Amino acid sequence: MASKRTFTLDDETAARIDRTAARLGLSRSRVVREAVREYATRVGQLSDDERRRLLGVFDDLVARIPARPAAETDREIAALRRARRAGGRRTPPR
């Protein structure tokens, strides 16, 4: 089912639609429909630049993970938990 809509477009956008329709041999309506469909699939997705930047941040964080035995990490976590239960590191145990 089709639905007629009225939109106001700037001259540059209207010209782009006209040129694209002529180049592809499609109706202007079809060009707009396909453009909206394509745009809707990309909304909310990261751009290539954003994706590369975030992957770089992740790689930097992973590189900072210390390579140490799990037992040492477990001892550190246990010490932190004891300190929190005791009111923090600066507060003497109750």
N, C-alpha and C. Protein backbone atom coordinates (compact mmCIF):
# COMPACT_ATOMS: atom_id res chain seq x y z
N MET A 1 0.84 -1.18 0.00
CA MET A 1 0.00 0.00 0.00
C MET A 1 0.89 1.24 0.00
N ALA A 2 0.53 2.21 -0.76
CA ALA A 2 1.31 3.44 -0.87
C ALA A 2 0.60 4.56 -0.10
N SER A 3 1.42 5.47 0.36
CA SER A 3 0.90 6.61 1.10
C SER A 3 1.53 7.87 0.54
N LYS A 4 0.71 8.84 0.11
CA LYS A 4 1.25 10.08 -0.43
C LYS A 4 1.61 10.99 0.73
N ARG A 5 2.78 11.63 0.60
CA ARG A 5 3.28 12.56 1.61
C ARG A 5 3.77 13.82 0.90
N THR A 6 3.78 14.91 1.63
CA THR A 6 4.30 16.15 1.10
C THR A 6 5.46 16.59 1.97
N PHE A 7 6.60 16.87 1.36
CA PHE A 7 7.79 17.31 2.07
C PHE A 7 8.33 18.55 1.37
N THR A 8 8.97 19.39 2.13
CA THR A 8 9.66 20.53 1.56
C THR A 8 11.14 20.24 1.60
N LEU A 9 11.78 20.28 0.43
CA LEU A 9 13.20 19.99 0.32
C LEU A 9 13.93 21.23 -0.17
N ASP A 10 15.16 21.37 0.25
CA ASP A 10 15.97 22.46 -0.29
C ASP A 10 16.31 22.12 -1.74
N ASP A 11 16.70 23.14 -2.48
CA ASP A 11 16.95 22.96 -3.92
C ASP A 11 18.05 21.94 -4.19
N GLU A 12 19.09 21.95 -3.38
CA GLU A 12 20.21 21.02 -3.60
C GLU A 12 19.76 19.57 -3.43
N THR A 13 18.96 19.29 -2.41
CA THR A 13 18.48 17.93 -2.17
C THR A 13 17.55 17.49 -3.30
N ALA A 14 16.66 18.38 -3.70
CA ALA A 14 15.74 18.05 -4.81
C ALA A 14 16.53 17.75 -6.08
N ALA A 15 17.58 18.54 -6.34
CA ALA A 15 18.40 18.31 -7.54
C ALA A 15 19.13 16.97 -7.45
N ARG A 16 19.61 16.63 -6.28
CA ARG A 16 20.28 15.32 -6.10
C ARG A 16 19.32 14.18 -6.39
N ILE A 17 18.10 14.29 -5.90
CA ILE A 17 17.10 13.25 -6.16
C ILE A 17 16.85 13.15 -7.66
N ASP A 18 16.68 14.30 -8.31
CA ASP A 18 16.42 14.31 -9.76
C ASP A 18 17.58 13.68 -10.53
N ARG A 19 18.83 14.08 -10.19
CA ARG A 19 20.00 13.54 -10.89
C ARG A 19 20.13 12.03 -10.67
N THR A 20 19.92 11.60 -9.44
CA THR A 20 20.04 10.18 -9.12
C THR A 20 18.98 9.37 -9.86
N ALA A 21 17.76 9.87 -9.85
CA ALA A 21 16.67 9.18 -10.56
C ALA A 21 16.98 9.07 -12.05
N ALA A 22 17.47 10.15 -12.64
CA ALA A 22 17.79 10.14 -14.07
C ALA A 22 18.94 9.18 -14.37
N ARG A 23 19.97 9.23 -13.53
CA ARG A 23 21.15 8.37 -13.75
C ARG A 23 20.80 6.89 -13.63
N LEU A 24 19.92 6.55 -12.67
CA LEU A 24 19.57 5.15 -12.44
C LEU A 24 18.35 4.69 -13.24
N GLY A 25 17.66 5.65 -13.85
CA GLY A 25 16.46 5.29 -14.60
C GLY A 25 15.32 4.86 -13.69
N LEU A 26 15.24 5.48 -12.52
CA LEU A 26 14.20 5.16 -11.55
C LEU A 26 13.32 6.38 -11.31
N SER A 27 12.16 6.14 -10.75
CA SER A 27 11.31 7.28 -10.38
C SER A 27 11.92 7.98 -9.16
N ARG A 28 11.59 9.25 -9.02
CA ARG A 28 12.08 9.99 -7.85
C ARG A 28 11.54 9.36 -6.56
N SER A 29 10.31 8.89 -6.59
CA SER A 29 9.73 8.25 -5.41
C SER A 29 10.53 7.02 -5.00
N ARG A 30 10.94 6.25 -6.00
CA ARG A 30 11.71 5.05 -5.68
C ARG A 30 13.09 5.41 -5.10
N VAL A 31 13.70 6.45 -5.66
CA VAL A 31 14.99 6.90 -5.13
C VAL A 31 14.84 7.30 -3.67
N VAL A 32 13.79 8.05 -3.37
CA VAL A 32 13.56 8.48 -1.98
C VAL A 32 13.28 7.27 -1.10
N ARG A 33 12.44 6.35 -1.55
CA ARG A 33 12.14 5.15 -0.74
C ARG A 33 13.41 4.36 -0.43
N GLU A 34 14.24 4.15 -1.45
CA GLU A 34 15.47 3.38 -1.25
C GLU A 34 16.45 4.13 -0.35
N ALA A 35 16.50 5.45 -0.50
CA ALA A 35 17.39 6.25 0.35
C ALA A 35 16.95 6.17 1.81
N VAL A 36 15.66 6.27 2.05
CA VAL A 36 15.14 6.19 3.42
C VAL A 36 15.39 4.79 4.00
N ARG A 37 15.17 3.75 3.20
CA ARG A 37 15.42 2.38 3.65
C ARG A 37 16.90 2.20 4.03
N GLU A 38 17.79 2.69 3.17
CA GLU A 38 19.23 2.60 3.44
C GLU A 38 19.61 3.38 4.70
N TYR A 39 19.08 4.57 4.82
CA TYR A 39 19.39 5.42 5.99
C TYR A 39 18.89 4.74 7.27
N ALA A 40 17.69 4.20 7.23
CA ALA A 40 17.10 3.58 8.42
C ALA A 40 17.92 2.39 8.90
N THR A 41 18.56 1.66 7.98
CA THR A 41 19.37 0.51 8.39
C THR A 41 20.65 0.95 9.07
N ARG A 42 21.11 2.18 8.79
CA ARG A 42 22.38 2.65 9.36
C ARG A 42 22.21 3.49 10.61
N VAL A 43 21.01 3.96 10.90
CA VAL A 43 20.79 4.79 12.08
C VAL A 43 21.11 3.98 13.33
N GLY A 44 21.89 4.55 14.20
CA GLY A 44 22.25 3.87 15.43
C GLY A 44 23.51 3.03 15.31
N GLN A 45 24.00 2.84 14.11
CA GLN A 45 25.23 2.08 13.94
C GLN A 45 26.42 3.04 13.98
N LEU A 46 27.55 2.53 14.38
CA LEU A 46 28.75 3.35 14.42
C LEU A 46 29.28 3.59 13.02
N SER A 47 29.83 4.78 12.83
CA SER A 47 30.50 5.04 11.56
C SER A 47 31.83 4.29 11.57
N ASP A 48 32.46 4.18 10.41
CA ASP A 48 33.75 3.49 10.34
C ASP A 48 34.78 4.18 11.22
N ASP A 49 34.78 5.52 11.23
CA ASP A 49 35.73 6.26 12.07
C ASP A 49 35.48 5.99 13.55
N GLU A 50 34.20 6.01 13.97
CA GLU A 50 33.86 5.73 15.37
C GLU A 50 34.27 4.31 15.75
N ARG A 51 33.99 3.36 14.87
CA ARG A 51 34.34 1.97 15.14
C ARG A 51 35.84 1.80 15.30
N ARG A 52 36.61 2.42 14.40
CA ARG A 52 38.08 2.34 14.50
C ARG A 52 38.59 2.98 15.79
N ARG A 53 38.02 4.12 16.16
CA ARG A 53 38.45 4.81 17.38
C ARG A 53 38.16 3.94 18.61
N LEU A 54 36.96 3.38 18.68
CA LEU A 54 36.60 2.54 19.84
C LEU A 54 37.43 1.26 19.89
N LEU A 55 37.72 0.67 18.73
CA LEU A 55 38.57 -0.52 18.71
C LEU A 55 39.98 -0.16 19.18
N GLY A 56 40.45 1.02 18.82
CA GLY A 56 41.75 1.47 19.30
C GLY A 56 41.78 1.65 20.80
N VAL A 57 40.71 2.23 21.35
CA VAL A 57 40.61 2.38 22.80
C VAL A 57 40.60 1.01 23.47
N PHE A 58 39.83 0.08 22.92
CA PHE A 58 39.78 -1.28 23.47
C PHE A 58 41.16 -1.94 23.43
N ASP A 59 41.84 -1.82 22.30
CA ASP A 59 43.18 -2.40 22.18
C ASP A 59 44.14 -1.80 23.21
N ASP A 60 44.05 -0.47 23.45
CA ASP A 60 44.89 0.17 24.46
C ASP A 60 44.59 -0.39 25.85
N LEU A 61 43.30 -0.56 26.15
CA LEU A 61 42.93 -1.08 27.47
C LEU A 61 43.39 -2.52 27.66
N VAL A 62 43.22 -3.32 26.64
CA VAL A 62 43.64 -4.72 26.73
C VAL A 62 45.15 -4.81 26.94
N ALA A 63 45.89 -3.94 26.27
CA ALA A 63 47.35 -3.94 26.41
C ALA A 63 47.79 -3.57 27.83
N ARG A 64 46.93 -2.84 28.56
CA ARG A 64 47.27 -2.42 29.93
C ARG A 64 46.93 -3.48 30.98
N ILE A 65 46.25 -4.53 30.59
CA ILE A 65 45.91 -5.58 31.55
C ILE A 65 47.21 -6.24 31.99
N PRO A 66 47.48 -6.19 33.29
CA PRO A 66 48.74 -6.77 33.75
C PRO A 66 48.76 -8.29 33.59
N ALA A 67 49.90 -8.79 33.18
CA ALA A 67 50.07 -10.24 33.05
C ALA A 67 50.62 -10.73 34.38
N ARG A 68 49.75 -11.21 35.25
CA ARG A 68 50.18 -11.72 36.55
C ARG A 68 49.33 -12.92 36.91
N PRO A 69 49.79 -13.69 37.83
CA PRO A 69 49.04 -14.90 38.19
C PRO A 69 47.65 -14.57 38.76
N ALA A 70 46.70 -15.44 38.49
CA ALA A 70 45.34 -15.24 38.99
C ALA A 70 45.31 -15.20 40.51
N ALA A 71 46.15 -15.96 41.17
CA ALA A 71 46.17 -15.99 42.64
C ALA A 71 46.52 -14.61 43.19
N GLU A 72 47.44 -13.91 42.54
CA GLU A 72 47.81 -12.57 42.98
C GLU A 72 46.62 -11.61 42.84
N THR A 73 45.92 -11.72 41.75
CA THR A 73 44.73 -10.89 41.53
C THR A 73 43.67 -11.22 42.56
N ASP A 74 43.46 -12.50 42.85
CA ASP A 74 42.47 -12.91 43.86
C ASP A 74 42.82 -12.33 45.22
N ARG A 75 44.12 -12.33 45.59
CA ARG A 75 44.54 -11.75 46.88
C ARG A 75 44.24 -10.25 46.92
N GLU A 76 44.51 -9.57 45.83
CA GLU A 76 44.25 -8.13 45.78
C GLU A 76 42.76 -7.83 45.93
N ILE A 77 41.92 -8.59 45.22
CA ILE A 77 40.47 -8.40 45.32
C ILE A 77 40.00 -8.67 46.74
N ALA A 78 40.51 -9.72 47.37
CA ALA A 78 40.13 -10.04 48.75
C ALA A 78 40.52 -8.91 49.69
N ALA A 79 41.71 -8.33 49.50
CA ALA A 79 42.17 -7.22 50.34
C ALA A 79 41.26 -6.01 50.15
N LEU A 80 40.86 -5.72 48.93
CA LEU A 80 39.96 -4.60 48.67
C LEU A 80 38.61 -4.82 49.35
N ARG A 81 38.10 -6.04 49.29
CA ARG A 81 36.81 -6.33 49.92
C ARG A 81 36.91 -6.18 51.44
N ARG A 82 38.00 -6.66 52.02
CA ARG A 82 38.19 -6.49 53.47
C ARG A 82 38.24 -5.01 53.84
N ALA A 83 38.95 -4.23 53.04
CA ALA A 83 39.07 -2.79 53.32
C ALA A 83 37.71 -2.11 53.22
N ARG A 84 36.91 -2.48 52.25
CA ARG A 84 35.57 -1.87 52.11
C ARG A 84 34.68 -2.24 53.29
N ARG A 85 34.74 -3.49 53.70
CA ARG A 85 33.91 -3.91 54.84
C ARG A 85 34.33 -3.23 56.13
N ALA A 86 35.59 -2.83 56.20
CA ALA A 86 36.11 -2.19 57.39
C ALA A 86 35.92 -0.68 57.34
N GLY A 87 35.25 -0.17 56.32
CA GLY A 87 34.98 1.25 56.25
C GLY A 87 35.91 2.00 55.32
N GLY A 88 36.69 1.33 54.57
CA GLY A 88 37.60 1.98 53.62
C GLY A 88 39.03 1.85 54.05
N ARG A 89 39.94 2.22 53.22
CA ARG A 89 41.36 2.05 53.48
C ARG A 89 41.88 3.03 54.51
N ARG A 90 41.29 4.22 54.63
CA ARG A 90 41.78 5.24 55.55
C ARG A 90 41.17 5.11 56.95
N THR A 91 40.14 4.31 57.06
CA THR A 91 39.46 4.18 58.34
C THR A 91 39.97 2.93 59.04
N PRO A 92 40.35 3.05 60.31
CA PRO A 92 40.79 1.84 61.02
C PRO A 92 39.66 0.85 61.17
N PRO A 93 39.95 -0.43 61.23
CA PRO A 93 38.90 -1.46 61.37
C PRO A 93 38.09 -1.23 62.64
N ARG A 94 36.82 -1.55 62.58
CA ARG A 94 35.91 -1.38 63.74
C ARG A 94 36.03 -2.51 64.70
